[in-house]
N, C-alpha and C. Protein backbone atom coordinates (compact mmCIF):
# COMPACT_ATOMS: atom_id res chain seq x y z
N MET A 1 -9.25 15.43 6.26
CA MET A 1 -9.19 13.93 6.10
C MET A 1 -7.69 13.86 5.50
N SER A 2 -7.22 12.75 5.97
CA SER A 2 -5.87 12.30 5.74
C SER A 2 -5.70 11.68 4.29
N LYS A 3 -4.63 12.22 3.64
CA LYS A 3 -4.28 11.67 2.33
C LYS A 3 -3.77 10.15 2.58
N ARG A 4 -4.29 9.41 1.56
CA ARG A 4 -3.64 7.88 1.58
C ARG A 4 -2.76 7.62 0.50
N TYR A 5 -1.56 7.00 0.65
CA TYR A 5 -0.74 6.77 -0.14
C TYR A 5 -0.48 5.21 -0.39
N SER A 6 -0.25 4.68 -1.62
CA SER A 6 -0.07 3.41 -1.83
C SER A 6 1.31 2.94 -1.30
N ALA A 7 1.33 1.87 -1.25
CA ALA A 7 2.84 1.12 -0.80
C ALA A 7 3.88 1.54 -1.92
N GLU A 8 3.33 1.37 -2.96
CA GLU A 8 4.61 1.78 -4.02
C GLU A 8 4.93 3.17 -3.83
N VAL A 9 3.88 4.07 -3.74
CA VAL A 9 4.60 5.79 -3.36
C VAL A 9 5.32 5.58 -2.28
N LYS A 10 5.00 4.84 -1.12
CA LYS A 10 5.75 5.13 0.10
C LYS A 10 6.93 4.51 -0.04
N SER A 11 7.17 3.39 -0.70
CA SER A 11 8.50 2.78 -1.01
C SER A 11 9.48 3.67 -1.88
N ARG A 12 8.63 4.43 -2.79
CA ARG A 12 9.51 5.16 -3.89
C ARG A 12 10.19 6.41 -2.83
N ILE A 13 9.44 6.95 -2.08
CA ILE A 13 9.74 8.22 -1.39
C ILE A 13 10.84 7.87 -0.47
N VAL A 14 10.45 6.72 0.30
CA VAL A 14 11.66 6.17 1.32
C VAL A 14 12.86 5.84 0.80
N LEU A 15 12.96 5.28 -0.50
CA LEU A 15 14.06 4.94 -1.13
C LEU A 15 14.75 6.09 -1.87
N GLU A 16 14.07 7.03 -2.23
CA GLU A 16 14.74 8.20 -2.38
C GLU A 16 15.43 8.93 -1.36
N VAL A 17 14.89 8.89 -0.13
CA VAL A 17 15.58 9.34 1.06
C VAL A 17 17.05 8.64 1.39
N LEU A 18 16.86 7.30 1.26
CA LEU A 18 17.71 6.36 1.60
C LEU A 18 18.89 6.30 0.50
N GLN A 19 18.63 6.52 -0.71
CA GLN A 19 19.62 6.34 -1.69
C GLN A 19 20.11 7.73 -2.43
N THR A 20 19.76 8.69 -1.67
CA THR A 20 20.38 10.03 -2.06
C THR A 20 20.63 10.84 -1.08
N ASP A 21 21.57 11.69 -1.14
CA ASP A 21 22.09 12.70 -0.19
C ASP A 21 21.01 13.70 0.35
N ARG A 22 19.67 13.93 -0.41
CA ARG A 22 18.73 14.68 0.13
C ARG A 22 18.15 14.14 1.36
N GLY A 23 17.83 15.18 2.12
CA GLY A 23 17.32 14.87 3.57
C GLY A 23 15.65 14.52 3.42
N ILE A 24 15.20 14.28 4.59
CA ILE A 24 13.74 13.73 4.61
C ILE A 24 13.04 15.07 4.27
N GLY A 25 13.52 16.14 4.74
CA GLY A 25 12.63 17.51 4.40
C GLY A 25 12.36 17.76 3.15
N SER A 26 13.52 17.62 2.36
CA SER A 26 13.62 17.91 1.05
C SER A 26 12.64 17.11 0.17
N VAL A 27 12.79 15.72 0.43
CA VAL A 27 11.98 14.66 -0.26
C VAL A 27 10.22 14.97 0.15
N ALA A 28 10.22 15.29 1.46
CA ALA A 28 9.01 15.35 1.95
C ALA A 28 8.15 16.58 1.21
N ARG A 29 8.89 17.83 1.02
CA ARG A 29 8.27 18.68 0.33
C ARG A 29 8.12 18.53 -1.20
N GLU A 30 9.12 17.88 -1.82
CA GLU A 30 8.69 17.61 -3.28
C GLU A 30 7.48 16.64 -3.40
N TYR A 31 7.10 15.81 -2.38
CA TYR A 31 5.96 15.11 -2.69
C TYR A 31 4.72 15.58 -1.96
N ASP A 32 4.98 16.63 -1.28
CA ASP A 32 3.85 17.27 -0.42
C ASP A 32 3.40 16.19 0.46
N VAL A 33 4.36 15.86 1.43
CA VAL A 33 4.06 15.00 2.67
C VAL A 33 4.82 15.45 3.74
N HIS A 34 4.15 15.56 4.86
CA HIS A 34 4.70 15.88 6.04
C HIS A 34 6.33 15.20 6.31
N PRO A 35 7.05 15.75 6.75
CA PRO A 35 8.37 15.03 7.09
C PRO A 35 8.25 14.06 8.06
N ASN A 36 7.34 14.18 9.10
CA ASN A 36 7.31 13.15 10.40
C ASN A 36 6.68 11.94 9.58
N THR A 37 5.73 11.95 8.61
CA THR A 37 5.17 10.86 7.99
C THR A 37 6.30 10.03 7.19
N VAL A 38 6.92 10.70 6.40
CA VAL A 38 8.05 10.17 5.81
C VAL A 38 8.97 9.52 6.65
N ARG A 39 9.28 10.13 7.78
CA ARG A 39 10.25 9.57 8.94
C ARG A 39 9.64 8.25 9.27
N ASN A 40 8.20 7.95 9.66
CA ASN A 40 7.72 7.03 10.10
C ASN A 40 7.70 5.93 9.05
N TRP A 41 7.50 6.37 7.90
CA TRP A 41 7.57 5.39 6.68
C TRP A 41 9.03 4.62 6.81
N GLU A 42 9.89 5.65 6.84
CA GLU A 42 11.32 5.13 6.75
C GLU A 42 11.70 4.11 7.98
N ASN A 43 11.08 4.38 9.29
CA ASN A 43 11.24 3.66 10.29
C ASN A 43 10.72 2.35 10.09
N GLN A 44 9.37 2.21 9.56
CA GLN A 44 8.50 1.04 9.18
C GLN A 44 9.41 0.26 8.30
N PHE A 45 9.90 0.82 7.07
CA PHE A 45 10.67 0.19 5.96
C PHE A 45 11.71 -0.63 6.59
N LYS A 46 12.71 0.23 7.48
CA LYS A 46 13.75 -0.50 8.10
C LYS A 46 13.45 -1.50 8.98
N ALA A 47 12.43 -1.21 10.01
CA ALA A 47 11.98 -2.35 10.75
C ALA A 47 11.53 -3.83 10.20
N ASN A 48 11.20 -3.36 9.02
CA ASN A 48 10.53 -4.92 8.51
C ASN A 48 11.44 -5.31 7.16
N ALA A 49 12.60 -4.49 7.09
CA ALA A 49 13.60 -5.23 5.80
C ALA A 49 13.95 -6.50 6.34
N GLU A 50 14.05 -6.88 7.52
CA GLU A 50 14.64 -8.21 7.76
C GLU A 50 13.65 -9.32 7.54
N GLU A 51 12.58 -8.89 7.62
CA GLU A 51 11.26 -9.84 7.46
C GLU A 51 11.14 -10.17 5.93
N VAL A 52 11.67 -9.46 4.87
CA VAL A 52 11.72 -9.59 3.71
C VAL A 52 12.71 -10.82 3.28
N PHE A 53 13.90 -10.76 3.77
CA PHE A 53 14.97 -11.63 3.61
C PHE A 53 14.40 -12.84 4.13
N SER A 54 13.91 -12.88 5.44
CA SER A 54 13.57 -14.12 6.20
C SER A 54 12.42 -15.00 5.21
N LYS A 55 11.39 -14.23 4.77
CA LYS A 55 10.43 -14.56 3.68
C LYS A 55 11.13 -15.28 2.47
N ASP A 56 12.21 -14.80 1.85
CA ASP A 56 12.80 -15.42 0.84
C ASP A 56 13.55 -16.73 1.25
N LYS A 57 14.03 -16.68 2.47
CA LYS A 57 14.70 -17.91 2.92
C LYS A 57 13.70 -18.98 3.16
N THR A 58 12.52 -18.54 3.62
CA THR A 58 11.48 -19.59 4.02
C THR A 58 10.97 -20.23 2.53
N ILE A 59 10.85 -19.31 1.59
CA ILE A 59 10.31 -19.84 0.26
C ILE A 59 11.31 -20.77 -0.23
N LYS A 60 12.52 -20.42 -0.36
CA LYS A 60 13.79 -21.30 -0.88
C LYS A 60 13.54 -22.77 -0.12
N ASN A 61 13.41 -22.60 1.11
CA ASN A 61 13.49 -23.93 1.97
C ASN A 61 12.13 -24.67 1.64
N LEU A 62 11.09 -24.03 1.37
CA LEU A 62 9.95 -24.76 1.16
C LEU A 62 9.95 -25.46 -0.47
N GLN A 63 10.54 -24.76 -1.32
CA GLN A 63 10.73 -25.17 -2.69
C GLN A 63 11.69 -26.31 -2.60
N ARG A 64 12.59 -26.27 -1.79
CA ARG A 64 13.55 -27.26 -1.67
C ARG A 64 12.91 -28.69 -1.26
N GLU A 65 12.07 -28.55 -0.32
CA GLU A 65 11.24 -29.46 0.41
C GLU A 65 10.17 -30.14 -0.74
N ASN A 66 9.80 -29.23 -1.60
CA ASN A 66 8.79 -29.76 -2.52
C ASN A 66 9.43 -30.43 -3.68
N ARG A 67 10.62 -30.11 -3.82
CA ARG A 67 11.45 -31.03 -5.04
C ARG A 67 11.42 -32.38 -4.37
N GLY A 68 11.81 -32.58 -3.14
CA GLY A 68 11.91 -33.80 -2.68
C GLY A 68 10.57 -34.75 -2.30
N VAL A 69 9.45 -34.19 -2.60
CA VAL A 69 8.32 -35.10 -2.29
C VAL A 69 7.81 -35.54 -3.60
N ARG A 70 7.50 -36.71 -3.53
CA ARG A 70 7.00 -37.50 -4.79
C ARG A 70 5.58 -37.82 -4.65
N PHE A 71 4.86 -37.27 -5.87
CA PHE A 71 3.40 -37.71 -5.71
C PHE A 71 3.15 -39.05 -6.17
N VAL A 72 2.44 -39.76 -5.31
CA VAL A 72 1.80 -41.10 -5.80
C VAL A 72 0.47 -41.18 -6.50
């Protein structure tokens, strides 16, 4: 049966790969995760990074709109 990892653990592992000079293999060994799994998480992380920033922009736009709404 496959081991399940929380989003927090996945993020920590991916950020360690991205923010250090250690390779995927080294980080994967430390956390006892297959390197291909870490590579997949890294690819998902990068593919969804733009969505994080676009959500921030959407939230700010909605907040701006809400400030202009007057309740009767």
